[in-house]
Amino acid sequence: MAQPHDVPTAAQLVAAVRGFLRDDVLPAVEGRVRFHTRVAINVLAMVEREMELGQDQAAEHAARLAALGVADDAELAAAVRAGRFDGDDALTTALVQAVRAKLEVADPGYLQRP
């Protein structure tokens, strides 16, 4: 598919900034600035993963919702509150898959922990 923007891509720009912070800034700072630099590095890594995985995850989430017979998260929440899924293993499976997808973006290392 043709891209509307030239290189570098948004993903490449985010990766470059994350690399700069990690390789150049982090070793040169301490204390509060070091902490906030580490937070920024982690945030940029999350953005990279969301850019990479987001479209597929959104499609998978929509398919999970459709399989449960709801249009969106708000309708799902209302159905859960109404007891529509009480005892339904399909809901549990869908929620586990949704949480896994969130962790793949937010903290993929967590999924590797025992």
PDB file of N, CA and C in Angstrom:
ATOM      1  N   MET A   1       0.849  -1.174   0.000  1.00  0.00           N
ATOM      2  CA  MET A   1       0.000   0.000   0.000  1.00  0.00           C
ATOM      3  C   MET A   1       0.896   1.238   0.000  1.00  0.00           C
ATOM      4  N   ALA A   2       0.537   2.220  -0.793  1.00  0.00           N
ATOM      5  CA  ALA A   2       1.297   3.462  -0.861  1.00  0.00           C
ATOM      6  C   ALA A   2       1.116   4.248   0.435  1.00  0.00           C
ATOM      7  N   GLN A   3       2.195   4.823   0.898  1.00  0.00           N
ATOM      8  CA  GLN A   3       2.176   5.596   2.131  1.00  0.00           C
ATOM      9  C   GLN A   3       2.107   7.087   1.798  1.00  0.00           C
ATOM     10  N   PRO A   4       1.303   7.857   2.547  1.00  0.00           N
ATOM     11  CA  PRO A   4       1.158   9.279   2.243  1.00  0.00           C
ATOM     12  C   PRO A   4       2.343  10.127   2.700  1.00  0.00           C
ATOM     13  N   HIS A   5       3.193   9.559   3.551  1.00  0.00           N
ATOM     14  CA  HIS A   5       4.307  10.329   4.097  1.00  0.00           C
ATOM     15  C   HIS A   5       5.627   9.719   3.675  1.00  0.00           C
ATOM     16  N   ASP A   6       6.630  10.580   3.551  1.00  0.00           N
ATOM     17  CA  ASP A   6       7.962  10.111   3.195  1.00  0.00           C
ATOM     18  C   ASP A   6       8.643   9.503   4.415  1.00  0.00           C
ATOM     19  N   VAL A   7       9.808   8.925   4.180  1.00  0.00           N
ATOM     20  CA  VAL A   7      10.604   8.414   5.290  1.00  0.00           C
ATOM     21  C   VAL A   7      11.332   9.581   5.933  1.00  0.00           C
ATOM     22  N   PRO A   8      11.586   9.548   7.198  1.00  0.00           N
ATOM     23  CA  PRO A   8      11.310   8.423   8.080  1.00  0.00           C
ATOM     24  C   PRO A   8       9.824   8.345   8.448  1.00  0.00           C
ATOM     25  N   THR A   9       9.401   7.124   8.712  1.00  0.00           N
ATOM     26  CA  THR A   9       8.022   6.905   9.127  1.00  0.00           C
ATOM     27  C   THR A   9       7.852   7.344  10.576  1.00  0.00           C
ATOM     28  N   ALA A  10       6.616   7.425  11.009  1.00  0.00           N
ATOM     29  CA  ALA A  10       6.352   7.770  12.406  1.00  0.00           C
ATOM     30  C   ALA A  10       7.020   6.749  13.332  1.00  0.00           C
ATOM     31  N   ALA A  11       6.935   5.483  12.969  1.00  0.00           N
ATOM     32  CA  ALA A  11       7.561   4.436  13.795  1.00  0.00           C
ATOM     33  C   ALA A  11       9.069   4.627  13.865  1.00  0.00           C
ATOM     34  N   GLN A  12       9.679   4.980  12.757  1.00  0.00           N
ATOM     35  CA  GLN A  12      11.127   5.213  12.738  1.00  0.00           C
ATOM     36  C   GLN A  12      11.500   6.433  13.576  1.00  0.00           C
ATOM     37  N   LEU A  13      10.685   7.468  13.535  1.00  0.00           N
ATOM     38  CA  LEU A  13      10.942   8.664  14.343  1.00  0.00           C
ATOM     39  C   LEU A  13      10.842   8.349  15.828  1.00  0.00           C
ATOM     40  N   VAL A  14       9.813   7.609  16.208  1.00  0.00           N
ATOM     41  CA  VAL A  14       9.650   7.235  17.617  1.00  0.00           C
ATOM     42  C   VAL A  14      10.837   6.389  18.061  1.00  0.00           C
ATOM     43  N   ALA A  15      11.251   5.441  17.239  1.00  0.00           N
ATOM     44  CA  ALA A  15      12.393   4.588  17.580  1.00  0.00           C
ATOM     45  C   ALA A  15      13.674   5.413  17.719  1.00  0.00           C
ATOM     46  N   ALA A  16      13.847   6.396  16.860  1.00  0.00           N
ATOM     47  CA  ALA A  16      15.042   7.240  16.927  1.00  0.00           C
ATOM     48  C   ALA A  16      15.072   8.057  18.216  1.00  0.00           C
ATOM     49  N   VAL A  17      13.940   8.621  18.589  1.00  0.00           N
ATOM     50  CA  VAL A  17      13.884   9.407  19.834  1.00  0.00           C
ATOM     51  C   VAL A  17      14.119   8.502  21.032  1.00  0.00           C
ATOM     52  N   ARG A  18      13.510   7.322  21.022  1.00  0.00           N
ATOM     53  CA  ARG A  18      13.712   6.377  22.134  1.00  0.00           C
ATOM     54  C   ARG A  18      15.185   5.984  22.233  1.00  0.00           C
ATOM     55  N   GLY A  19      15.810   5.720  21.102  1.00  0.00           N
ATOM     56  CA  GLY A  19      17.233   5.374  21.097  1.00  0.00           C
ATOM     57  C   GLY A  19      18.101   6.506  21.612  1.00  0.00           C
ATOM     58  N   PHE A  20      17.804   7.732  21.219  1.00  0.00           N
ATOM     59  CA  PHE A  20      18.546   8.904  21.699  1.00  0.00           C
ATOM     60  C   PHE A  20      18.431   9.025  23.217  1.00  0.00           C
ATOM     61  N   LEU A  21      17.213   8.902  23.725  1.00  0.00           N
ATOM     62  CA  LEU A  21      17.023   9.000  25.174  1.00  0.00           C
ATOM     63  C   LEU A  21      17.772   7.890  25.910  1.00  0.00           C
ATOM     64  N   ARG A  22      17.685   6.676  25.375  1.00  0.00           N
ATOM     65  CA  ARG A  22      18.320   5.528  26.023  1.00  0.00           C
ATOM     66  C   ARG A  22      19.848   5.603  25.954  1.00  0.00           C
ATOM     67  N   ASP A  23      20.375   5.941  24.783  1.00  0.00           N
ATOM     68  CA  ASP A  23      21.820   5.854  24.573  1.00  0.00           C
ATOM     69  C   ASP A  23      22.589   7.121  24.934  1.00  0.00           C
ATOM     70  N   ASP A  24      21.963   8.289  24.772  1.00  0.00           N
ATOM     71  CA  ASP A  24      22.673   9.543  24.993  1.00  0.00           C
ATOM     72  C   ASP A  24      22.240  10.283  26.249  1.00  0.00           C
ATOM     73  N   VAL A  25      20.946  10.366  26.475  1.00  0.00           N
ATOM     74  CA  VAL A  25      20.451  11.156  27.603  1.00  0.00           C
ATOM     75  C   VAL A  25      20.545  10.368  28.910  1.00  0.00           C
ATOM     76  N   LEU A  26      20.028   9.153  28.938  1.00  0.00           N
ATOM     77  CA  LEU A  26      19.971   8.377  30.179  1.00  0.00           C
ATOM     78  C   LEU A  26      21.325   8.262  30.891  1.00  0.00           C
ATOM     79  N   PRO A  27      22.407   7.947  30.167  1.00  0.00           N
ATOM     80  CA  PRO A  27      23.696   7.839  30.864  1.00  0.00           C
ATOM     81  C   PRO A  27      24.224   9.181  31.402  1.00  0.00           C
ATOM     82  N   ALA A  28      23.675  10.295  30.915  1.00  0.00           N
ATOM     83  CA  ALA A  28      24.203  11.611  31.278  1.00  0.00           C
ATOM     84  C   ALA A  28      23.402  12.308  32.378  1.00  0.00           C
ATOM     85  N   VAL A  29      22.324  11.689  32.846  1.00  0.00           N
ATOM     86  CA  VAL A  29      21.489  12.356  33.838  1.00  0.00           C
ATOM     87  C   VAL A  29      21.329  11.483  35.074  1.00  0.00           C
ATOM     88  N   GLU A  30      20.881  12.102  36.156  1.00  0.00           N
ATOM     89  CA  GLU A  30      20.643  11.358  37.392  1.00  0.00           C
ATOM     90  C   GLU A  30      19.387  11.857  38.075  1.00  0.00           C
ATOM     91  N   GLY A  31      19.047  11.175  39.137  1.00  0.00           N
ATOM     92  CA  GLY A  31      17.925  11.596  39.971  1.00  0.00           C
ATOM     93  C   GLY A  31      16.602  11.620  39.240  1.00  0.00           C
ATOM     94  N   ARG A  32      15.873  12.697  39.490  1.00  0.00           N
ATOM     95  CA  ARG A  32      14.525  12.854  38.944  1.00  0.00           C
ATOM     96  C   ARG A  32      14.527  12.849  37.418  1.00  0.00           C
ATOM     97  N   VAL A  33      15.489  13.512  36.805  1.00  0.00           N
ATOM     98  CA  VAL A  33      15.559  13.562  35.338  1.00  0.00           C
ATOM     99  C   VAL A  33      15.829  12.162  34.784  1.00  0.00           C
ATOM    100  N   ARG A  34      16.669  11.398  35.451  1.00  0.00           N
ATOM    101  CA  ARG A  34      16.944  10.021  35.019  1.00  0.00           C
ATOM    102  C   ARG A  34      15.657   9.189  35.093  1.00  0.00           C
ATOM    103  N   PHE A  35      14.920   9.321  36.199  1.00  0.00           N
ATOM    104  CA  PHE A  35      13.672   8.586  36.352  1.00  0.00           C
ATOM    105  C   PHE A  35      12.699   8.940  35.228  1.00  0.00           C
ATOM    106  N   HIS A  36      12.530  10.243  34.978  1.00  0.00           N
ATOM    107  CA  HIS A  36      11.583  10.666  33.941  1.00  0.00           C
ATOM    108  C   HIS A  36      12.060  10.274  32.540  1.00  0.00           C
ATOM    109  N   THR A  37      13.364  10.214  32.342  1.00  0.00           N
ATOM    110  CA  THR A  37      13.898   9.741  31.060  1.00  0.00           C
ATOM    111  C   THR A  37      13.554   8.272  30.860  1.00  0.00           C
ATOM    112  N   ARG A  38      13.683   7.479  31.915  1.00  0.00           N
ATOM    113  CA  ARG A  38      13.323   6.055  31.827  1.00  0.00           C
ATOM    114  C   ARG A  38      11.828   5.898  31.538  1.00  0.00           C
ATOM    115  N   VAL A  39      11.011   6.720  32.171  1.00  0.00           N
ATOM    116  CA  VAL A  39       9.565   6.678  31.901  1.00  0.00           C
ATOM    117  C   VAL A  39       9.311   7.014  30.431  1.00  0.00           C
ATOM    118  N   ALA A  40       9.962   8.046  29.922  1.00  0.00           N
ATOM    119  CA  ALA A  40       9.778   8.448  28.520  1.00  0.00           C
ATOM    120  C   ALA A  40      10.216   7.332  27.574  1.00  0.00           C
ATOM    121  N   ILE A  41      11.307   6.667  27.878  1.00  0.00           N
ATOM    122  CA  ILE A  41      11.779   5.544  27.061  1.00  0.00           C
ATOM    123  C   ILE A  41      10.721   4.444  27.031  1.00  0.00           C
ATOM    124  N   ASN A  42      10.168   4.133  28.191  1.00  0.00           N
ATOM    125  CA  ASN A  42       9.132   3.095  28.258  1.00  0.00           C
ATOM    126  C   ASN A  42       7.869   3.504  27.501  1.00  0.00           C
ATOM    127  N   VAL A  43       7.480   4.759  27.623  1.00  0.00           N
ATOM    128  CA  VAL A  43       6.298   5.248  26.908  1.00  0.00           C
ATOM    129  C   VAL A  43       6.509   5.135  25.400  1.00  0.00           C
ATOM    130  N   LEU A  44       7.668   5.535  24.930  1.00  0.00           N
ATOM    131  CA  LEU A  44       7.945   5.457  23.495  1.00  0.00           C
ATOM    132  C   LEU A  44       7.963   4.002  23.012  1.00  0.00           C
ATOM    133  N   ALA A  45       8.456   3.098  23.838  1.00  0.00           N
ATOM    134  CA  ALA A  45       8.422   1.678  23.476  1.00  0.00           C
ATOM    135  C   ALA A  45       6.981   1.191  23.364  1.00  0.00           C
ATOM    136  N   MET A  46       6.127   1.664  24.271  1.00  0.00           N
ATOM    137  CA  MET A  46       4.708   1.306  24.193  1.00  0.00           C
ATOM    138  C   MET A  46       4.077   1.855  22.916  1.00  0.00           C
ATOM    139  N   VAL A  47       4.408   3.076  22.569  1.00  0.00           N
ATOM    140  CA  VAL A  47       3.873   3.682  21.350  1.00  0.00           C
ATOM    141  C   VAL A  47       4.317   2.872  20.132  1.00  0.00           C
ATOM    142  N   GLU A  48       5.578   2.468  20.109  1.00  0.00           N
ATOM    143  CA  GLU A  48       6.071   1.647  19.000  1.00  0.00           C
ATOM    144  C   GLU A  48       5.273   0.353  18.882  1.00  0.00           C
ATOM    145  N   ARG A  49       5.059  -0.318  20.020  1.00  0.00           N
ATOM    146  CA  ARG A  49       4.318  -1.581  19.989  1.00  0.00           C
ATOM    147  C   ARG A  49       2.874  -1.366  19.563  1.00  0.00           C
ATOM    148  N   GLU A  50       2.264  -0.275  20.036  1.00  0.00           N
ATOM    149  CA  GLU A  50       0.881  -0.004  19.637  1.00  0.00           C
ATOM    150  C   GLU A  50       0.798   0.290  18.148  1.00  0.00           C
ATOM    151  N   MET A  51       1.765   1.005  17.614  1.00  0.00           N
ATOM    152  CA  MET A  51       1.776   1.292  16.180  1.00  0.00           C
ATOM    153  C   MET A  51       1.931  -0.004  15.384  1.00  0.00           C
ATOM    154  N   GLU A  52       2.728  -0.911  15.891  1.00  0.00           N
ATOM    155  CA  GLU A  52       2.981  -2.179  15.204  1.00  0.00           C
ATOM    156  C   GLU A  52       1.790  -3.131  15.311  1.00  0.00           C
ATOM    157  N   LEU A  53       1.199  -3.218  16.490  1.00  0.00           N
ATOM    158  CA  LEU A  53       0.173  -4.228  16.760  1.00  0.00           C
ATOM    159  C   LEU A  53      -1.256  -3.694  16.706  1.00  0.00           C
ATOM    160  N   GLY A  54      -1.427  -2.380  16.781  1.00  0.00           N
ATOM    161  CA  GLY A  54      -2.726  -1.774  17.004  1.00  0.00           C
ATOM    162  C   GLY A  54      -3.816  -2.145  16.028  1.00  0.00           C
ATOM    163  N   GLN A  55      -3.543  -2.097  14.738  1.00  0.00           N
ATOM    164  CA  GLN A  55      -4.594  -2.391  13.761  1.00  0.00           C
ATOM    165  C   GLN A  55      -5.075  -3.834  13.880  1.00  0.00           C
ATOM    166  N   ASP A  56      -4.135  -4.764  13.981  1.00  0.00           N
ATOM    167  CA  ASP A  56      -4.526  -6.172  14.120  1.00  0.00           C
ATOM    168  C   ASP A  56      -5.269  -6.399  15.425  1.00  0.00           C
ATOM    169  N   GLN A  57      -4.782  -5.786  16.503  1.00  0.00           N
ATOM    170  CA  GLN A  57      -5.458  -5.950  17.790  1.00  0.00           C
ATOM    171  C   GLN A  57      -6.863  -5.365  17.762  1.00  0.00           C
ATOM    172  N   ALA A  58      -7.045  -4.237  17.098  1.00  0.00           N
ATOM    173  CA  ALA A  58      -8.375  -3.625  17.006  1.00  0.00           C
ATOM    174  C   ALA A  58      -9.333  -4.545  16.251  1.00  0.00           C
ATOM    175  N   ALA A  59      -8.862  -5.138  15.173  1.00  0.00           N
ATOM    176  CA  ALA A  59      -9.705  -6.058  14.405  1.00  0.00           C
ATOM    177  C   ALA A  59     -10.051  -7.299  15.230  1.00  0.00           C
ATOM    178  N   GLU A  60      -9.064  -7.823  15.954  1.00  0.00           N
ATOM    179  CA  GLU A  60      -9.310  -8.994  16.799  1.00  0.00           C
ATOM    180  C   GLU A  60     -10.294  -8.658  17.920  1.00  0.00           C
ATOM    181  N   HIS A  61     -10.170  -7.471  18.503  1.00  0.00           N
ATOM    182  CA  HIS A  61     -11.075  -7.053  19.569  1.00  0.00           C
ATOM    183  C   HIS A  61     -12.500  -6.914  19.034  1.00  0.00           C
ATOM    184  N   ALA A  62     -12.641  -6.313  17.864  1.00  0.00           N
ATOM    185  CA  ALA A  62     -13.966  -6.173  17.253  1.00  0.00           C
ATOM    186  C   ALA A  62     -14.578  -7.546  16.983  1.00  0.00           C
ATOM    187  N   ALA A  63     -13.756  -8.487  16.539  1.00  0.00           N
ATOM    188  CA  ALA A  63     -14.254  -9.844  16.274  1.00  0.00           C
ATOM    189  C   ALA A  63     -14.691 -10.524  17.574  1.00  0.00           C
ATOM    190  N   ARG A  64     -13.922 -10.308  18.653  1.00  0.00           N
ATOM    191  CA  ARG A  64     -14.312 -10.880  19.954  1.00  0.00           C
ATOM    192  C   ARG A  64     -15.655 -10.311  20.415  1.00  0.00           C
ATOM    193  N   LEU A  65     -15.801  -9.002  20.286  1.00  0.00           N
ATOM    194  CA  LEU A  65     -17.057  -8.366  20.689  1.00  0.00           C
ATOM    195  C   LEU A  65     -18.224  -8.894  19.854  1.00  0.00           C
ATOM    196  N   ALA A  66     -18.008  -8.999  18.553  1.00  0.00           N
ATOM    197  CA  ALA A  66     -19.069  -9.492  17.672  1.00  0.00           C
ATOM    198  C   ALA A  66     -19.449 -10.922  18.036  1.00  0.00           C
ATOM    199  N   ALA A  67     -18.461 -11.746  18.370  1.00  0.00           N
ATOM    200  CA  ALA A  67     -18.743 -13.137  18.750  1.00  0.00           C
ATOM    201  C   ALA A  67     -19.576 -13.193  20.025  1.00  0.00           C
ATOM    202  N   LEU A  68     -19.404 -12.188  20.876  1.00  0.00           N
ATOM    203  CA  LEU A  68     -20.203 -12.118  22.108  1.00  0.00           C
ATOM    204  C   LEU A  68     -21.564 -11.473  21.862  1.00  0.00           C
ATOM    205  N   GLY A  69     -21.751 -10.933  20.669  1.00  0.00           N
ATOM    206  CA  GLY A  69     -23.032 -10.320  20.324  1.00  0.00           C
ATOM    207  C   GLY A  69     -23.200  -8.896  20.812  1.00  0.00           C
ATOM    208  N   VAL A  70     -22.077  -8.182  20.976  1.00  0.00           N
ATOM    209  CA  VAL A  70     -22.135  -6.779  21.388  1.00  0.00           C
ATOM    210  C   VAL A  70     -21.353  -5.929  20.395  1.00  0.00           C
ATOM    211  N   ALA A  71     -21.712  -4.648  20.348  1.00  0.00           N
ATOM    212  CA  ALA A  71     -21.108  -3.749  19.361  1.00  0.00           C
ATOM    213  C   ALA A  71     -19.819  -3.098  19.848  1.00  0.00           C
ATOM    214  N   ASP A  72     -19.721  -2.860  21.164  1.00  0.00           N
ATOM    215  CA  ASP A  72     -18.552  -2.157  21.681  1.00  0.00           C
ATOM    216  C   ASP A  72     -18.367  -2.471  23.161  1.00  0.00           C
ATOM    217  N   ASP A  73     -17.326  -1.883  23.755  1.00  0.00           N
ATOM    218  CA  ASP A  73     -17.010  -2.151  25.162  1.00  0.00           C
ATOM    219  C   ASP A  73     -18.123  -1.685  26.098  1.00  0.00           C
ATOM    220  N   ALA A  74     -18.767  -0.559  25.774  1.00  0.00           N
ATOM    221  CA  ALA A  74     -19.846  -0.051  26.624  1.00  0.00           C
ATOM    222  C   ALA A  74     -21.021  -1.028  26.636  1.00  0.00           C
ATOM    223  N   GLU A  75     -21.351  -1.564  25.473  1.00  0.00           N
ATOM    224  CA  GLU A  75     -22.445  -2.538  25.413  1.00  0.00           C
ATOM    225  C   GLU A  75     -22.056  -3.823  26.149  1.00  0.00           C
ATOM    226  N   LEU A  76     -20.802  -4.214  26.036  1.00  0.00           N
ATOM    227  CA  LEU A  76     -20.331  -5.394  26.766  1.00  0.00           C
ATOM    228  C   LEU A  76     -20.453  -5.174  28.268  1.00  0.00           C
ATOM    229  N   ALA A  77     -20.013  -4.026  28.738  1.00  0.00           N
ATOM    230  CA  ALA A  77     -20.098  -3.725  30.174  1.00  0.00           C
ATOM    231  C   ALA A  77     -21.547  -3.751  30.649  1.00  0.00           C
ATOM    232  N   ALA A  78     -22.445  -3.177  29.871  1.00  0.00           N
ATOM    233  CA  ALA A  78     -23.863  -3.174  30.236  1.00  0.00           C
ATOM    234  C   ALA A  78     -24.400  -4.601  30.283  1.00  0.00           C
ATOM    235  N   ALA A  79     -23.999  -5.424  29.334  1.00  0.00           N
ATOM    236  CA  ALA A  79     -24.458  -6.818  29.306  1.00  0.00           C
ATOM    237  C   ALA A  79     -23.923  -7.597  30.504  1.00  0.00           C
ATOM    238  N   VAL A  80     -22.685  -7.328  30.878  1.00  0.00           N
ATOM    239  CA  VAL A  80     -22.104  -7.994  32.057  1.00  0.00           C
ATOM    240  C   VAL A  80     -22.875  -7.563  33.307  1.00  0.00           C
ATOM    241  N   ARG A  81     -23.105  -6.250  33.445  1.00  0.00           N
ATOM    242  CA  ARG A  81     -23.860  -5.753  34.603  1.00  0.00           C
ATOM    243  C   ARG A  81     -25.259  -6.352  34.670  1.00  0.00           C
ATOM    244  N   ALA A  82     -25.849  -6.584  33.529  1.00  0.00           N
ATOM    245  CA  ALA A  82     -27.203  -7.142  33.479  1.00  0.00           C
ATOM    246  C   ALA A  82     -27.220  -8.653  33.713  1.00  0.00           C
ATOM    247  N   GLY A  83     -26.038  -9.259  33.819  1.00  0.00           N
ATOM    248  CA  GLY A  83     -25.973 -10.695  34.080  1.00  0.00           C
ATOM    249  C   GLY A  83     -26.093 -11.561  32.842  1.00  0.00           C
ATOM    250  N   ARG A  84     -26.028 -10.942  31.685  1.00  0.00           N
ATOM    251  CA  ARG A  84     -26.199 -11.688  30.436  1.00  0.00           C
ATOM    252  C   ARG A  84     -25.137 -12.767  30.225  1.00  0.00           C
ATOM    253  N   PHE A  85     -23.955 -12.579  30.802  1.00  0.00           N
ATOM    254  CA  PHE A  85     -22.860 -13.526  30.585  1.00  0.00           C
ATOM    255  C   PHE A  85     -22.542 -14.358  31.822  1.00  0.00           C
ATOM    256  N   ASP A  86     -23.410 -14.328  32.802  1.00  0.00           N
ATOM    257  CA  ASP A  86     -23.158 -15.110  34.020  1.00  0.00           C
ATOM    258  C   ASP A  86     -22.922 -16.574  33.662  1.00  0.00           C
ATOM    259  N   GLY A  87     -21.771 -17.078  34.095  1.00  0.00           N
ATOM    260  CA  GLY A  87     -21.423 -18.470  33.848  1.00  0.00           C
ATOM    261  C   GLY A  87     -20.985 -18.776  32.424  1.00  0.00           C
ATOM    262  N   ASP A  88     -20.785 -17.772  31.615  1.00  0.00           N
ATOM    263  CA  ASP A  88     -20.432 -17.961  30.203  1.00  0.00           C
ATOM    264  C   ASP A  88     -18.910 -17.949  30.045  1.00  0.00           C
ATOM    265  N   ASP A  89     -18.348 -19.108  29.701  1.00  0.00           N
ATOM    266  CA  ASP A  89     -16.898 -19.208  29.521  1.00  0.00           C
ATOM    267  C   ASP A  89     -16.395 -18.397  28.337  1.00  0.00           C
ATOM    268  N   ALA A  90     -17.261 -18.112  27.369  1.00  0.00           N
ATOM    269  CA  ALA A  90     -16.851 -17.312  26.216  1.00  0.00           C
ATOM    270  C   ALA A  90     -16.443 -15.907  26.648  1.00  0.00           C
ATOM    271  N   LEU A  91     -17.121 -15.364  27.647  1.00  0.00           N
ATOM    272  CA  LEU A  91     -16.759 -14.040  28.159  1.00  0.00           C
ATOM    273  C   LEU A  91     -15.379 -14.088  28.795  1.00  0.00           C
ATOM    274  N   THR A  92     -15.149 -15.088  29.616  1.00  0.00           N
ATOM    275  CA  THR A  92     -13.841 -15.226  30.270  1.00  0.00           C
ATOM    276  C   THR A  92     -12.732 -15.329  29.229  1.00  0.00           C
ATOM    277  N   THR A  93     -12.939 -16.144  28.225  1.00  0.00           N
ATOM    278  CA  THR A  93     -11.938 -16.301  27.169  1.00  0.00           C
ATOM    279  C   THR A  93     -11.686 -14.980  26.457  1.00  0.00           C
ATOM    280  N   ALA A  94     -12.755 -14.269  26.130  1.00  0.00           N
ATOM    281  CA  ALA A  94     -12.614 -12.986  25.433  1.00  0.00           C
ATOM    282  C   ALA A  94     -11.879 -11.964  26.294  1.00  0.00           C
ATOM    283  N   LEU A  95     -12.189 -11.930  27.579  1.00  0.00           N
ATOM    284  CA  LEU A  95     -11.523 -10.978  28.474  1.00  0.00           C
ATOM    285  C   LEU A  95     -10.048 -11.308  28.649  1.00  0.00           C
ATOM    286  N   VAL A  96      -9.716 -12.581  28.755  1.00  0.00           N
ATOM    287  CA  VAL A  96      -8.306 -12.991  28.868  1.00  0.00           C
ATOM    288  C   VAL A  96      -7.556 -12.565  27.603  1.00  0.00           C
ATOM    289  N   GLN A  97      -8.152 -12.782  26.443  1.00  0.00           N
ATOM    290  CA  GLN A  97      -7.512 -12.379  25.186  1.00  0.00           C
ATOM    291  C   GLN A  97      -7.344 -10.859  25.117  1.00  0.00           C
ATOM    292  N   ALA A  98      -8.326 -10.121  25.592  1.00  0.00           N
ATOM    293  CA  ALA A  98      -8.244  -8.655  25.578  1.00  0.00           C
ATOM    294  C   ALA A  98      -7.127  -8.163  26.495  1.00  0.00           C
ATOM    295  N   VAL A  99      -7.018  -8.765  27.664  1.00  0.00           N
ATOM    296  CA  VAL A  99      -5.959  -8.366  28.601  1.00  0.00           C
ATOM    297  C   VAL A  99      -4.592  -8.729  28.036  1.00  0.00           C
ATOM    298  N   ARG A 100      -4.470  -9.894  27.427  1.00  0.00           N
ATOM    299  CA  ARG A 100      -3.194 -10.281  26.799  1.00  0.00           C
ATOM    300  C   ARG A 100      -2.787  -9.252  25.732  1.00  0.00           C
ATOM    301  N   ALA A 101      -3.746  -8.813  24.924  1.00  0.00           N
ATOM    302  CA  ALA A 101      -3.452  -7.829  23.884  1.00  0.00           C
ATOM    303  C   ALA A 101      -2.961  -6.520  24.504  1.00  0.00           C
ATOM    304  N   LYS A 102      -3.586  -6.105  25.584  1.00  0.00           N
ATOM    305  CA  LYS A 102      -3.152  -4.877  26.272  1.00  0.00           C
ATOM    306  C   LYS A 102      -1.738  -5.033  26.820  1.00  0.00           C
ATOM    307  N   LEU A 103      -1.449  -6.197  27.383  1.00  0.00           N
ATOM    308  CA  LEU A 103      -0.114  -6.440  27.928  1.00  0.00           C
ATOM    309  C   LEU A 103       0.946  -6.528  26.827  1.00  0.00           C
ATOM    310  N   GLU A 104       0.568  -7.025  25.651  1.00  0.00           N
ATOM    311  CA  GLU A 104       1.521  -7.066  24.536  1.00  0.00           C
ATOM    312  C   GLU A 104       2.012  -5.672  24.190  1.00  0.00           C
ATOM    313  N   VAL A 105       1.199  -4.671  24.442  1.00  0.00           N
ATOM    314  CA  VAL A 105       1.585  -3.280  24.189  1.00  0.00           C
ATOM    315  C   VAL A 105       2.220  -2.666  25.432  1.00  0.00           C
ATOM    316  N   ALA A 106       1.558  -2.795  26.573  1.00  0.00           N
ATOM    317  CA  ALA A 106       1.993  -2.095  27.780  1.00  0.00           C
ATOM    318  C   ALA A 106       3.238  -2.703  28.409  1.00  0.00           C
ATOM    319  N   ASP A 107       3.320  -4.034  28.473  1.00  0.00           N
ATOM    320  CA  ASP A 107       4.445  -4.688  29.156  1.00  0.00           C
ATOM    321  C   ASP A 107       4.562  -6.135  28.701  1.00  0.00           C
ATOM    322  N   PRO A 108       5.080  -6.362  27.482  1.00  0.00           N
ATOM    323  CA  PRO A 108       5.143  -7.729  26.972  1.00  0.00           C
ATOM    324  C   PRO A 108       5.988  -8.658  27.840  1.00  0.00           C
ATOM    325  N   GLY A 109       6.931  -8.114  28.577  1.00  0.00           N
ATOM    326  CA  GLY A 109       7.731  -8.931  29.486  1.00  0.00           C
ATOM    327  C   GLY A 109       6.907  -9.591  30.566  1.00  0.00           C
ATOM    328  N   TYR A 110       5.798  -8.958  30.942  1.00  0.00           N
ATOM    329  CA  TYR A 110       4.926  -9.521  31.962  1.00  0.00           C
ATOM    330  C   TYR A 110       4.383 -10.879  31.532  1.00  0.00           C
ATOM    331  N   LEU A 111       4.132 -11.033  30.250  1.00  0.00           N
ATOM    332  CA  LEU A 111       3.599 -12.291  29.737  1.00  0.00           C
ATOM    333  C   LEU A 111       4.626 -13.412  29.803  1.00  0.00           C
ATOM    334  N   GLN A 112       5.880 -13.075  29.951  1.00  0.00           N
ATOM    335  CA  GLN A 112       6.949 -14.074  30.015  1.00  0.00           C
ATOM    336  C   GLN A 112       7.239 -14.505  31.448  1.00  0.00           C
ATOM    337  N   ARG A 113       6.700 -13.789  32.416  1.00  0.00           N
ATOM    338  CA  ARG A 113       6.979 -14.099  33.824  1.00  0.00           C
ATOM    339  C   ARG A 113       6.259 -15.371  34.241  1.00  0.00           C
ATOM    340  N   PRO A 114       6.900 -16.135  35.151  1.00  0.00           N
ATOM    341  CA  PRO A 114       6.261 -17.381  35.627  1.00  0.00           C
ATOM    342  C   PRO A 114       5.038 -17.115  36.483  1.00  0.00           C
TER     343      PRO A 114
END
